[in-house]
Amino acid sequence: MLAAVGPRLKRIRRQRQCTLAALSEVTGISVSTLSRLESGQRKPSLELLLPIAHAHQVPLDELVGAPPVGDPRVRLKPVRRGDSTVVPLTQQPGGLQAFKMVIGPTRSTPEPRTHEGYEWLYVLSGRLRMVLADHDIVLQTGEVAEFDTRLPHWFGSTGDGPVEIISLFGPQGERMHVRARPADET
């Protein structure tokens, strides 16, 4: 990466139709030092590159050829199923999977299913009806449930309105725990 700095410095200087002497006068760096930087005979340092970047009015990243910083935003691809939306929060297949789900109010008739794995649910908003084996319960905002998915289960809206949840699913689910308060400290 450092080897490419010299030719880049020379190219930028020439694009700006600037001589070594003129650049030397603006930066206070000797012509011989600038020449050696451009030819690769001198290693670039921050104290040399900063005045050159300032003189050429370019970011330091451009002088050193720093890789562009990627867009930090995560581009999630929601999947619509009827009046519900599932947003996968994990990108790699297998292992633990995370989903954000918005379940519409019409998904209120239980159809229990079973499959391998373990699931952990957190209700972000609304009321979640959950049927798990012989249990039929309603979870409120802020409540959590975890269960073995080999048990017949179903979850959806209570019918009052949509419900928004975070779901973690995978073979490692039995290791997921939420503690609301520490165990008895006495």
Protein backbone atom coordinates (compact mmCIF):
# COMPACT_ATOMS: atom_id res chain seq x y z
CA MET A 1 0.00 0.00 0.00
CA LEU A 2 2.85 2.41 0.85
CA ALA A 3 4.57 1.67 -2.47
CA ALA A 4 1.55 3.04 -4.35
CA VAL A 5 1.61 6.39 -2.49
CA GLY A 6 4.50 7.86 -4.49
CA PRO A 7 2.97 7.38 -7.95
CA ARG A 8 -0.37 8.62 -6.58
CA LEU A 9 1.28 11.79 -5.23
CA LYS A 10 2.90 12.41 -8.61
CA ARG A 11 -0.34 11.79 -10.51
CA ILE A 12 -2.32 14.18 -8.29
CA ARG A 13 0.35 16.86 -8.53
CA ARG A 14 0.44 16.59 -12.34
CA GLN A 15 -3.37 16.63 -12.60
CA ARG A 16 -3.26 19.94 -10.78
CA GLN A 17 -0.50 21.17 -13.10
CA CYS A 18 1.73 21.90 -10.13
CA THR A 19 5.53 21.75 -10.20
CA LEU A 20 7.65 20.28 -7.42
CA ALA A 21 9.01 23.78 -6.76
CA ALA A 22 5.52 25.28 -6.41
CA LEU A 23 4.41 22.43 -4.11
CA SER A 24 7.59 22.88 -2.07
CA GLU A 25 6.85 26.55 -1.61
CA VAL A 26 3.26 25.89 -0.41
CA THR A 27 4.08 22.96 1.88
CA GLY A 28 7.50 23.93 3.20
CA ILE A 29 8.81 20.49 2.17
CA SER A 30 12.04 20.53 0.14
CA VAL A 31 11.91 19.72 -3.59
CA SER A 32 14.31 16.80 -3.05
CA THR A 33 12.07 15.28 -0.33
CA LEU A 34 8.98 15.65 -2.54
CA SER A 35 10.84 14.05 -5.46
CA ARG A 36 11.98 11.12 -3.29
CA LEU A 37 8.40 10.66 -1.98
CA GLU A 38 7.05 10.50 -5.53
CA SER A 39 9.76 8.07 -6.68
CA GLY A 40 9.29 5.80 -3.65
CA GLN A 41 12.81 6.43 -2.32
CA ARG A 42 11.35 7.99 0.84
CA LYS A 43 8.60 6.47 2.96
CA PRO A 44 5.59 8.73 3.39
CA SER A 45 4.83 9.93 6.90
CA LEU A 46 1.86 11.75 8.31
CA GLU A 47 3.89 14.94 8.82
CA LEU A 48 4.74 14.95 5.09
CA LEU A 49 1.37 13.81 3.73
CA LEU A 50 -0.82 16.22 5.70
CA PRO A 51 0.63 19.43 4.17
CA ILE A 52 0.54 17.84 0.70
CA ALA A 53 -3.12 16.83 1.13
CA HIS A 54 -3.90 20.36 2.34
CA ALA A 55 -2.04 21.95 -0.60
CA HIS A 56 -3.89 19.77 -3.14
CA GLN A 57 -7.18 20.10 -1.20
CA VAL A 58 -7.76 16.35 -1.18
CA PRO A 59 -8.56 14.04 1.73
CA LEU A 60 -5.61 12.16 3.19
CA ASP A 61 -7.43 8.91 2.31
CA GLU A 62 -7.11 9.80 -1.37
CA LEU A 63 -3.35 10.29 -1.09
CA VAL A 64 -2.75 6.95 0.60
CA GLY A 65 -5.38 5.04 -1.36
CA ALA A 66 -7.34 3.98 1.70
CA PRO A 67 -10.09 1.50 0.86
CA PRO A 68 -13.54 3.05 0.79
CA VAL A 69 -15.53 2.62 3.96
CA GLY A 70 -18.55 0.48 3.29
CA ASP A 71 -22.06 1.63 3.92
CA PRO A 72 -22.74 0.64 7.56
CA ARG A 73 -26.47 0.29 7.00
CA VAL A 74 -27.85 -3.23 7.03
CA ARG A 75 -30.19 -3.81 4.12
CA LEU A 76 -32.80 -6.22 5.38
CA LYS A 77 -35.15 -7.96 2.96
CA PRO A 78 -38.60 -8.39 4.51
CA VAL A 79 -40.74 -11.34 3.42
CA ARG A 80 -44.52 -10.88 3.34
CA ARG A 81 -46.76 -13.84 4.20
CA GLY A 82 -50.41 -12.86 4.14
CA ASP A 83 -50.79 -9.95 6.56
CA SER A 84 -47.53 -10.78 8.36
CA THR A 85 -43.97 -9.64 7.66
CA VAL A 86 -40.82 -11.59 8.57
CA VAL A 87 -37.47 -9.78 8.52
CA PRO A 88 -34.42 -12.08 8.76
CA LEU A 89 -31.81 -10.41 10.99
CA THR A 90 -29.09 -13.00 10.37
CA GLN A 91 -27.48 -13.48 6.97
CA GLN A 92 -25.72 -16.83 7.26
CA PRO A 93 -27.62 -20.12 6.97
CA GLY A 94 -27.61 -22.69 9.77
CA GLY A 95 -26.94 -22.15 13.43
CA LEU A 96 -28.80 -19.54 15.41
CA GLN A 97 -31.24 -17.48 13.34
CA ALA A 98 -32.81 -14.16 14.38
CA PHE A 99 -36.03 -12.70 12.98
CA LYS A 100 -38.19 -9.68 13.56
CA MET A 101 -41.83 -10.48 12.88
CA VAL A 102 -44.88 -8.31 12.58
CA ILE A 103 -47.87 -10.63 12.74
CA GLY A 104 -51.14 -9.21 11.46
CA PRO A 105 -54.40 -9.44 13.41
CA THR A 106 -55.92 -12.05 11.08
CA ARG A 107 -53.41 -14.73 12.09
CA SER A 108 -55.41 -15.77 15.13
CA THR A 109 -56.52 -19.35 14.44
CA PRO A 110 -54.06 -21.85 15.94
CA GLU A 111 -52.46 -24.41 13.64
CA PRO A 112 -49.81 -26.06 15.90
CA ARG A 113 -46.72 -27.58 14.24
CA THR A 114 -43.55 -29.32 15.37
CA HIS A 115 -39.97 -29.27 14.08
CA GLU A 116 -36.42 -29.63 15.38
CA GLY A 117 -34.90 -26.75 17.31
CA TYR A 118 -35.42 -24.34 20.15
CA GLU A 119 -37.05 -20.92 20.04
CA TRP A 120 -36.93 -17.77 22.14
CA LEU A 121 -39.51 -15.02 21.61
CA TYR A 122 -39.61 -11.43 22.88
CA VAL A 123 -42.77 -9.32 22.41
CA LEU A 124 -41.84 -5.82 21.24
CA SER A 125 -45.43 -4.53 20.97
CA GLY A 126 -48.95 -5.86 20.95
CA ARG A 127 -50.27 -9.09 22.42
CA LEU A 128 -49.00 -12.48 21.28
CA ARG A 129 -51.19 -15.55 21.58
CA MET A 130 -49.08 -18.65 21.99
CA VAL A 131 -50.30 -22.23 21.94
CA LEU A 132 -47.67 -24.62 23.28
CA ALA A 133 -48.72 -28.24 23.80
CA ASP A 134 -51.64 -27.96 26.29
CA HIS A 135 -51.01 -24.28 27.12
CA ASP A 136 -52.84 -21.37 25.50
CA ILE A 137 -51.34 -18.12 26.81
CA VAL A 138 -51.15 -14.44 25.92
CA LEU A 139 -47.82 -12.62 26.17
CA GLN A 140 -47.76 -8.84 26.62
CA THR A 141 -45.19 -6.28 25.48
CA GLY A 142 -41.84 -7.01 27.15
CA GLU A 143 -42.57 -10.65 27.95
CA VAL A 144 -40.38 -13.55 26.85
CA ALA A 145 -41.06 -17.21 26.09
CA GLU A 146 -38.66 -20.02 25.27
CA PHE A 147 -39.54 -23.55 24.23
CA ASP A 148 -38.48 -26.73 22.48
CA THR A 149 -39.99 -26.64 18.99
CA ARG A 150 -40.52 -30.40 19.04
CA LEU A 151 -43.58 -29.60 21.17
CA PRO A 152 -46.69 -28.71 19.13
CA HIS A 153 -46.67 -24.90 18.99
CA TRP A 154 -48.24 -21.93 17.26
CA PHE A 155 -48.11 -18.20 17.84
CA GLY A 156 -49.99 -15.30 16.36
CA SER A 157 -52.11 -12.31 17.16
CA THR A 158 -54.85 -12.28 19.78
CA GLY A 159 -57.00 -10.74 17.04
CA ASP A 160 -57.02 -7.31 18.75
CA GLY A 161 -54.30 -5.93 16.45
CA PRO A 162 -50.85 -6.72 15.09
CA VAL A 163 -48.07 -8.03 17.31
CA GLU A 164 -44.36 -7.35 16.83
CA ILE A 165 -41.78 -9.86 18.09
CA ILE A 166 -38.12 -10.79 17.95
CA SER A 167 -37.53 -14.51 17.47
CA LEU A 168 -34.28 -16.41 17.98
CA PHE A 169 -34.38 -19.92 16.62
CA GLY A 170 -31.79 -22.65 16.39
CA PRO A 171 -30.16 -25.70 17.85
CA GLN A 172 -28.37 -23.60 20.52
CA GLY A 173 -31.57 -22.01 21.83
CA GLU A 174 -31.42 -23.71 25.20
CA ARG A 175 -28.46 -21.43 26.01
CA MET A 176 -30.48 -18.22 25.52
CA HIS A 177 -31.70 -16.71 28.78
CA VAL A 178 -32.98 -13.34 29.89
CA ARG A 179 -32.72 -12.38 33.54
CA ALA A 180 -35.01 -9.58 34.68
CA ARG A 181 -33.29 -9.33 38.08
CA PRO A 182 -30.45 -11.12 39.81
CA ALA A 183 -31.14 -14.27 41.77
CA ASP A 184 -31.82 -13.84 45.49
CA GLU A 185 -28.77 -12.00 46.82
CA THR A 186 -29.13 -13.18 50.42
